[in-house]
Amino acid sequence: MDKILVLFHHIHHRNGEHEVHHCGGDHEGVDYVIEHCGCGKHRIDKKKAVGHDFDGNECEVKFEEECLEGGWHVESGVCE
């Protein structure tokens, strides 16, 4: 998985299985939404967002490529 995408995904443990989910949406303390877009990428509805790796280290990310469906492609993000 792309190193920027990792900052915006997390893992749930359910029924003995691991499920990878997008951060955002209904998760507490997060004010952005990430969805798959028709471009074959992930789009986020904020120009900047704080992501975190699996060790909890945070990074503010600025997204540089606009998505034709609105928002920005997560894959275009750069840690600031």
PDB file of N, CA and C in Angstrom:
ATOM      1  N   MET A   1       0.855  -1.179   0.000  1.00  0.00           N
ATOM      2  CA  MET A   1       0.000   0.000   0.000  1.00  0.00           C
ATOM      3  C   MET A   1       0.899   1.239   0.000  1.00  0.00           C
ATOM      4  N   ASP A   2       0.521   2.237  -0.739  1.00  0.00           N
ATOM      5  CA  ASP A   2       1.241   3.509  -0.822  1.00  0.00           C
ATOM      6  C   ASP A   2       1.467   4.088   0.573  1.00  0.00           C
ATOM      7  N   LYS A   3       2.646   4.719   0.796  1.00  0.00           N
ATOM      8  CA  LYS A   3       2.978   5.212   2.146  1.00  0.00           C
ATOM      9  C   LYS A   3       2.030   6.314   2.619  1.00  0.00           C
ATOM     10  N   ILE A   4       1.447   7.097   1.707  1.00  0.00           N
ATOM     11  CA  ILE A   4       0.454   8.101   2.109  1.00  0.00           C
ATOM     12  C   ILE A   4      -0.873   7.411   2.426  1.00  0.00           C
ATOM     13  N   LEU A   5      -1.269   6.427   1.612  1.00  0.00           N
ATOM     14  CA  LEU A   5      -2.529   5.718   1.878  1.00  0.00           C
ATOM     15  C   LEU A   5      -2.532   5.055   3.250  1.00  0.00           C
ATOM     16  N   VAL A   6      -1.395   4.538   3.674  1.00  0.00           N
ATOM     17  CA  VAL A   6      -1.300   3.886   4.974  1.00  0.00           C
ATOM     18  C   VAL A   6      -1.699   4.843   6.095  1.00  0.00           C
ATOM     19  N   LEU A   7      -1.413   6.129   5.916  1.00  0.00           N
ATOM     20  CA  LEU A   7      -1.741   7.120   6.943  1.00  0.00           C
ATOM     21  C   LEU A   7      -3.243   7.312   7.126  1.00  0.00           C
ATOM     22  N   PHE A   8      -4.035   6.847   6.163  1.00  0.00           N
ATOM     23  CA  PHE A   8      -5.477   7.074   6.186  1.00  0.00           C
ATOM     24  C   PHE A   8      -6.283   5.769   6.152  1.00  0.00           C
ATOM     25  N   HIS A   9      -5.673   4.688   6.625  1.00  0.00           N
ATOM     26  CA  HIS A   9      -6.352   3.408   6.761  1.00  0.00           C
ATOM     27  C   HIS A   9      -6.071   2.864   8.155  1.00  0.00           C
ATOM     28  N   HIS A  10      -6.940   2.012   8.637  1.00  0.00           N
ATOM     29  CA  HIS A  10      -6.725   1.351   9.919  1.00  0.00           C
ATOM     30  C   HIS A  10      -7.294  -0.059   9.847  1.00  0.00           C
ATOM     31  N   ILE A  11      -6.947  -0.854  10.818  1.00  0.00           N
ATOM     32  CA  ILE A  11      -7.354  -2.262  10.826  1.00  0.00           C
ATOM     33  C   ILE A  11      -8.290  -2.527  11.996  1.00  0.00           C
ATOM     34  N   HIS A  12      -9.375  -3.254  11.703  1.00  0.00           N
ATOM     35  CA  HIS A  12     -10.280  -3.762  12.739  1.00  0.00           C
ATOM     36  C   HIS A  12     -10.063  -5.265  12.839  1.00  0.00           C
ATOM     37  N   HIS A  13     -10.214  -5.783  14.034  1.00  0.00           N
ATOM     38  CA  HIS A  13     -10.157  -7.226  14.245  1.00  0.00           C
ATOM     39  C   HIS A  13     -11.581  -7.690  14.541  1.00  0.00           C
ATOM     40  N   ARG A  14     -12.164  -8.437  13.605  1.00  0.00           N
ATOM     41  CA  ARG A  14     -13.546  -8.903  13.770  1.00  0.00           C
ATOM     42  C   ARG A  14     -13.639 -10.381  13.436  1.00  0.00           C
ATOM     43  N   ASN A  15     -14.229 -11.134  14.326  1.00  0.00           N
ATOM     44  CA  ASN A  15     -14.450 -12.568  14.107  1.00  0.00           C
ATOM     45  C   ASN A  15     -13.172 -13.284  13.696  1.00  0.00           C
ATOM     46  N   GLY A  16     -12.060 -12.899  14.320  1.00  0.00           N
ATOM     47  CA  GLY A  16     -10.787 -13.539  14.016  1.00  0.00           C
ATOM     48  C   GLY A  16     -10.163 -13.116  12.701  1.00  0.00           C
ATOM     49  N   GLU A  17     -10.742 -12.128  12.044  1.00  0.00           N
ATOM     50  CA  GLU A  17     -10.250 -11.647  10.748  1.00  0.00           C
ATOM     51  C   GLU A  17      -9.764 -10.207  10.880  1.00  0.00           C
ATOM     52  N   HIS A  18      -8.862  -9.810  10.000  1.00  0.00           N
ATOM     53  CA  HIS A  18      -8.417  -8.421   9.920  1.00  0.00           C
ATOM     54  C   HIS A  18      -9.136  -7.751   8.760  1.00  0.00           C
ATOM     55  N   GLU A  19      -9.714  -6.574   9.016  1.00  0.00           N
ATOM     56  CA  GLU A  19     -10.391  -5.796   7.986  1.00  0.00           C
ATOM     57  C   GLU A  19      -9.746  -4.428   7.912  1.00  0.00           C
ATOM     58  N   VAL A  20      -9.358  -4.017   6.720  1.00  0.00           N
ATOM     59  CA  VAL A  20      -8.755  -2.702   6.522  1.00  0.00           C
ATOM     60  C   VAL A  20      -9.847  -1.724   6.115  1.00  0.00           C
ATOM     61  N   HIS A  21      -9.919  -0.599   6.817  1.00  0.00           N
ATOM     62  CA  HIS A  21     -10.944   0.412   6.556  1.00  0.00           C
ATOM     63  C   HIS A  21     -10.298   1.773   6.320  1.00  0.00           C
ATOM     64  N   HIS A  22     -11.019   2.653   5.614  1.00  0.00           N
ATOM     65  CA  HIS A  22     -10.594   4.047   5.490  1.00  0.00           C
ATOM     66  C   HIS A  22     -10.804   4.752   6.814  1.00  0.00           C
ATOM     67  N   CYS A  23      -9.913   5.648   7.167  1.00  0.00           N
ATOM     68  CA  CYS A  23     -10.154   6.553   8.286  1.00  0.00           C
ATOM     69  C   CYS A  23     -11.186   7.581   7.830  1.00  0.00           C
ATOM     70  N   GLY A  24     -11.769   8.282   8.778  1.00  0.00           N
ATOM     71  CA  GLY A  24     -12.724   9.331   8.432  1.00  0.00           C
ATOM     72  C   GLY A  24     -14.148   8.910   8.645  1.00  0.00           C
ATOM     73  N   GLY A  25     -15.056   9.786   8.242  1.00  0.00           N
ATOM     74  CA  GLY A  25     -16.473   9.488   8.353  1.00  0.00           C
ATOM     75  C   GLY A  25     -16.938   9.423   9.785  1.00  0.00           C
ATOM     76  N   ASP A  26     -17.403   8.254  10.200  1.00  0.00           N
ATOM     77  CA  ASP A  26     -18.007   8.081  11.520  1.00  0.00           C
ATOM     78  C   ASP A  26     -17.005   7.926  12.650  1.00  0.00           C
ATOM     79  N   HIS A  27     -15.715   7.958  12.364  1.00  0.00           N
ATOM     80  CA  HIS A  27     -14.722   7.751  13.425  1.00  0.00           C
ATOM     81  C   HIS A  27     -14.574   9.011  14.278  1.00  0.00           C
ATOM     82  N   GLU A  28     -14.500   8.812  15.562  1.00  0.00           N
ATOM     83  CA  GLU A  28     -14.451   9.917  16.522  1.00  0.00           C
ATOM     84  C   GLU A  28     -13.244  10.825  16.289  1.00  0.00           C
ATOM     85  N   GLY A  29     -13.503  12.136  16.281  1.00  0.00           N
ATOM     86  CA  GLY A  29     -12.438  13.118  16.173  1.00  0.00           C
ATOM     87  C   GLY A  29     -11.903  13.350  14.773  1.00  0.00           C
ATOM     88  N   VAL A  30     -12.551  12.784  13.756  1.00  0.00           N
ATOM     89  CA  VAL A  30     -12.067  12.929  12.377  1.00  0.00           C
ATOM     90  C   VAL A  30     -13.110  13.692  11.571  1.00  0.00           C
ATOM     91  N   ASP A  31     -12.659  14.744  10.868  1.00  0.00           N
ATOM     92  CA  ASP A  31     -13.618  15.605  10.166  1.00  0.00           C
ATOM     93  C   ASP A  31     -13.532  15.487   8.646  1.00  0.00           C
ATOM     94  N   TYR A  32     -13.060  14.370   8.130  1.00  0.00           N
ATOM     95  CA  TYR A  32     -12.990  14.178   6.680  1.00  0.00           C
ATOM     96  C   TYR A  32     -13.618  12.845   6.298  1.00  0.00           C
ATOM     97  N   VAL A  33     -13.910  12.707   5.004  1.00  0.00           N
ATOM     98  CA  VAL A  33     -14.478  11.474   4.470  1.00  0.00           C
ATOM     99  C   VAL A  33     -13.591  11.016   3.322  1.00  0.00           C
ATOM    100  N   ILE A  34     -13.266   9.732   3.292  1.00  0.00           N
ATOM    101  CA  ILE A  34     -12.478   9.140   2.211  1.00  0.00           C
ATOM    102  C   ILE A  34     -13.333   8.084   1.535  1.00  0.00           C
ATOM    103  N   GLU A  35     -13.366   8.148   0.198  1.00  0.00           N
ATOM    104  CA  GLU A  35     -14.121   7.184  -0.598  1.00  0.00           C
ATOM    105  C   GLU A  35     -13.298   6.798  -1.817  1.00  0.00           C
ATOM    106  N   HIS A  36     -13.627   5.649  -2.413  1.00  0.00           N
ATOM    107  CA  HIS A  36     -13.042   5.305  -3.701  1.00  0.00           C
ATOM    108  C   HIS A  36     -13.713   6.183  -4.752  1.00  0.00           C
ATOM    109  N   CYS A  37     -12.938   6.627  -5.751  1.00  0.00           N
ATOM    110  CA  CYS A  37     -13.515   7.456  -6.812  1.00  0.00           C
ATOM    111  C   CYS A  37     -13.408   6.726  -8.154  1.00  0.00           C
ATOM    112  N   GLY A  38     -14.070   7.274  -9.151  1.00  0.00           N
ATOM    113  CA  GLY A  38     -14.079   6.691 -10.486  1.00  0.00           C
ATOM    114  C   GLY A  38     -12.733   6.733 -11.176  1.00  0.00           C
ATOM    115  N   CYS A  39     -11.794   7.468 -10.616  1.00  0.00           N
ATOM    116  CA  CYS A  39     -10.439   7.564 -11.179  1.00  0.00           C
ATOM    117  C   CYS A  39      -9.599   6.350 -10.803  1.00  0.00           C
ATOM    118  N   GLY A  40     -10.148   5.478  -9.952  1.00  0.00           N
ATOM    119  CA  GLY A  40      -9.396   4.327  -9.481  1.00  0.00           C
ATOM    120  C   GLY A  40      -8.488   4.658  -8.313  1.00  0.00           C
ATOM    121  N   LYS A  41      -8.766   5.775  -7.660  1.00  0.00           N
ATOM    122  CA  LYS A  41      -7.966   6.211  -6.520  1.00  0.00           C
ATOM    123  C   LYS A  41      -8.878   6.424  -5.325  1.00  0.00           C
ATOM    124  N   HIS A  42      -8.345   7.045  -4.280  1.00  0.00           N
ATOM    125  CA  HIS A  42      -9.109   7.427  -3.096  1.00  0.00           C
ATOM    126  C   HIS A  42      -9.266   8.946  -3.117  1.00  0.00           C
ATOM    127  N   ARG A  43     -10.472   9.431  -2.811  1.00  0.00           N
ATOM    128  CA  ARG A  43     -10.651  10.880  -2.727  1.00  0.00           C
ATOM    129  C   ARG A  43     -11.030  11.266  -1.316  1.00  0.00           C
ATOM    130  N   ILE A  44     -10.544  12.440  -0.920  1.00  0.00           N
ATOM    131  CA  ILE A  44     -10.801  12.977   0.411  1.00  0.00           C
ATOM    132  C   ILE A  44     -11.421  14.356   0.234  1.00  0.00           C
ATOM    133  N   ASP A  45     -12.299  14.752   1.145  1.00  0.00           N
ATOM    134  CA  ASP A  45     -13.040  16.005   0.988  1.00  0.00           C
ATOM    135  C   ASP A  45     -12.359  17.202   1.645  1.00  0.00           C
ATOM    136  N   LYS A  46     -11.120  17.066   2.096  1.00  0.00           N
ATOM    137  CA  LYS A  46     -10.369  18.178   2.707  1.00  0.00           C
ATOM    138  C   LYS A  46      -9.061  18.379   1.962  1.00  0.00           C
ATOM    139  N   LYS A  47      -8.605  19.619   1.849  1.00  0.00           N
ATOM    140  CA  LYS A  47      -7.330  19.928   1.197  1.00  0.00           C
ATOM    141  C   LYS A  47      -6.150  19.481   2.068  1.00  0.00           C
ATOM    142  N   LYS A  48      -6.304  19.528   3.392  1.00  0.00           N
ATOM    143  CA  LYS A  48      -5.293  19.067   4.343  1.00  0.00           C
ATOM    144  C   LYS A  48      -5.974  18.206   5.392  1.00  0.00           C
ATOM    145  N   ALA A  49      -5.247  17.188   5.844  1.00  0.00           N
ATOM    146  CA  ALA A  49      -5.781  16.313   6.895  1.00  0.00           C
ATOM    147  C   ALA A  49      -4.614  15.691   7.654  1.00  0.00           C
ATOM    148  N   VAL A  50      -4.867  15.339   8.896  1.00  0.00           N
ATOM    149  CA  VAL A  50      -3.859  14.667   9.708  1.00  0.00           C
ATOM    150  C   VAL A  50      -4.092  13.167   9.595  1.00  0.00           C
ATOM    151  N   GLY A  51      -3.050  12.466   9.188  1.00  0.00           N
ATOM    152  CA  GLY A  51      -3.083  11.012   9.125  1.00  0.00           C
ATOM    153  C   GLY A  51      -2.145  10.451  10.174  1.00  0.00           C
ATOM    154  N   HIS A  52      -2.163   9.137  10.355  1.00  0.00           N
ATOM    155  CA  HIS A  52      -1.279   8.517  11.336  1.00  0.00           C
ATOM    156  C   HIS A  52      -0.878   7.132  10.850  1.00  0.00           C
ATOM    157  N   ASP A  53       0.346   6.735  11.196  1.00  0.00           N
ATOM    158  CA  ASP A  53       0.779   5.396  10.833  1.00  0.00           C
ATOM    159  C   ASP A  53       0.275   4.401  11.876  1.00  0.00           C
ATOM    160  N   PHE A  54       0.596   3.125  11.689  1.00  0.00           N
ATOM    161  CA  PHE A  54       0.075   2.099  12.581  1.00  0.00           C
ATOM    162  C   PHE A  54       0.701   2.152  13.969  1.00  0.00           C
ATOM    163  N   ASP A  55       1.743   2.961  14.139  1.00  0.00           N
ATOM    164  CA  ASP A  55       2.335   3.172  15.457  1.00  0.00           C
ATOM    165  C   ASP A  55       1.775   4.416  16.139  1.00  0.00           C
ATOM    166  N   GLY A  56       0.851   5.127  15.469  1.00  0.00           N
ATOM    167  CA  GLY A  56       0.230   6.310  16.051  1.00  0.00           C
ATOM    168  C   GLY A  56       0.958   7.614  15.772  1.00  0.00           C
ATOM    169  N   ASN A  57       2.040   7.582  14.992  1.00  0.00           N
ATOM    170  CA  ASN A  57       2.760   8.810  14.636  1.00  0.00           C
ATOM    171  C   ASN A  57       1.942   9.604  13.627  1.00  0.00           C
ATOM    172  N   GLU A  58       1.716  10.893  13.925  1.00  0.00           N
ATOM    173  CA  GLU A  58       0.867  11.726  13.076  1.00  0.00           C
ATOM    174  C   GLU A  58       1.679  12.519  12.064  1.00  0.00           C
ATOM    175  N   CYS A  59       1.008  12.866  10.957  1.00  0.00           N
ATOM    176  CA  CYS A  59       1.603  13.693   9.918  1.00  0.00           C
ATOM    177  C   CYS A  59       0.490  14.506   9.275  1.00  0.00           C
ATOM    178  N   GLU A  60       0.678  15.825   9.167  1.00  0.00           N
ATOM    179  CA  GLU A  60      -0.286  16.639   8.436  1.00  0.00           C
ATOM    180  C   GLU A  60       0.029  16.498   6.954  1.00  0.00           C
ATOM    181  N   VAL A  61      -0.978  16.146   6.180  1.00  0.00           N
ATOM    182  CA  VAL A  61      -0.803  15.876   4.760  1.00  0.00           C
ATOM    183  C   VAL A  61      -1.570  16.911   3.940  1.00  0.00           C
ATOM    184  N   LYS A  62      -0.907  17.447   2.915  1.00  0.00           N
ATOM    185  CA  LYS A  62      -1.534  18.357   1.964  1.00  0.00           C
ATOM    186  C   LYS A  62      -1.710  17.589   0.653  1.00  0.00           C
ATOM    187  N   PHE A  63      -2.922  17.616   0.113  1.00  0.00           N
ATOM    188  CA  PHE A  63      -3.239  16.882  -1.106  1.00  0.00           C
ATOM    189  C   PHE A  63      -3.128  17.821  -2.306  1.00  0.00           C
ATOM    190  N   GLU A  64      -2.459  17.367  -3.357  1.00  0.00           N
ATOM    191  CA  GLU A  64      -2.100  18.251  -4.462  1.00  0.00           C
ATOM    192  C   GLU A  64      -2.878  18.019  -5.750  1.00  0.00           C
ATOM    193  N   GLU A  65      -3.511  16.859  -5.912  1.00  0.00           N
ATOM    194  CA  GLU A  65      -4.213  16.549  -7.163  1.00  0.00           C
ATOM    195  C   GLU A  65      -5.712  16.535  -6.921  1.00  0.00           C
ATOM    196  N   GLU A  66      -6.430  17.421  -7.629  1.00  0.00           N
ATOM    197  CA  GLU A  66      -7.884  17.454  -7.492  1.00  0.00           C
ATOM    198  C   GLU A  66      -8.511  16.280  -8.232  1.00  0.00           C
ATOM    199  N   CYS A  67      -9.589  15.762  -7.654  1.00  0.00           N
ATOM    200  CA  CYS A  67     -10.351  14.682  -8.267  1.00  0.00           C
ATOM    201  C   CYS A  67     -11.483  15.296  -9.099  1.00  0.00           C
ATOM    202  N   LEU A  68     -11.754  14.719 -10.251  1.00  0.00           N
ATOM    203  CA  LEU A  68     -12.839  15.215 -11.108  1.00  0.00           C
ATOM    204  C   LEU A  68     -14.205  15.091 -10.438  1.00  0.00           C
ATOM    205  N   GLU A  69     -14.314  14.212  -9.437  1.00  0.00           N
ATOM    206  CA  GLU A  69     -15.578  14.007  -8.720  1.00  0.00           C
ATOM    207  C   GLU A  69     -15.698  14.909  -7.493  1.00  0.00           C
ATOM    208  N   GLY A  70     -14.710  15.762  -7.287  1.00  0.00           N
ATOM    209  CA  GLY A  70     -14.687  16.644  -6.120  1.00  0.00           C
ATOM    210  C   GLY A  70     -13.668  16.165  -5.111  1.00  0.00           C
ATOM    211  N   GLY A  71     -13.120  17.076  -4.356  1.00  0.00           N
ATOM    212  CA  GLY A  71     -12.116  16.727  -3.365  1.00  0.00           C
ATOM    213  C   GLY A  71     -10.750  16.535  -4.004  1.00  0.00           C
ATOM    214  N   TRP A  72      -9.903  15.775  -3.318  1.00  0.00           N
ATOM    215  CA  TRP A  72      -8.516  15.572  -3.756  1.00  0.00           C
ATOM    216  C   TRP A  72      -8.174  14.099  -3.654  1.00  0.00           C
ATOM    217  N   HIS A  73      -7.217  13.669  -4.478  1.00  0.00           N
ATOM    218  CA  HIS A  73      -6.751  12.277  -4.407  1.00  0.00           C
ATOM    219  C   HIS A  73      -5.791  12.117  -3.236  1.00  0.00           C
ATOM    220  N   VAL A  74      -6.093  11.162  -2.375  1.00  0.00           N
ATOM    221  CA  VAL A  74      -5.246  10.884  -1.220  1.00  0.00           C
ATOM    222  C   VAL A  74      -3.831  10.530  -1.686  1.00  0.00           C
ATOM    223  N   GLU A  75      -3.738   9.794  -2.768  1.00  0.00           N
ATOM    224  CA  GLU A  75      -2.434   9.356  -3.286  1.00  0.00           C
ATOM    225  C   GLU A  75      -1.503  10.515  -3.645  1.00  0.00           C
ATOM    226  N   SER A  76      -2.061  11.715  -3.829  1.00  0.00           N
ATOM    227  CA  SER A  76      -1.238  12.889  -4.191  1.00  0.00           C
ATOM    228  C   SER A  76      -0.725  13.625  -2.964  1.00  0.00           C
ATOM    229  N   GLY A  77      -0.991  13.098  -1.782  1.00  0.00           N
ATOM    230  CA  GLY A  77      -0.636  13.777  -0.546  1.00  0.00           C
ATOM    231  C   GLY A  77       0.858  13.838  -0.281  1.00  0.00           C
ATOM    232  N   VAL A  78       1.252  14.939   0.383  1.00  0.00           N
ATOM    233  CA  VAL A  78       2.636  15.154   0.798  1.00  0.00           C
ATOM    234  C   VAL A  78       2.630  15.525   2.270  1.00  0.00           C
ATOM    235  N   CYS A  79       3.430  14.834   3.082  1.00  0.00           N
ATOM    236  CA  CYS A  79       3.548  15.173   4.497  1.00  0.00           C
ATOM    237  C   CYS A  79       4.242  16.505   4.633  1.00  0.00           C
ATOM    238  N   GLU A  80       3.694  17.365   5.481  1.00  0.00           N
ATOM    239  CA  GLU A  80       4.307  18.696   5.706  1.00  0.00           C
ATOM    240  C   GLU A  80       5.004  18.732   7.045  1.00  0.00           C
TER     241      GLU A  80
END
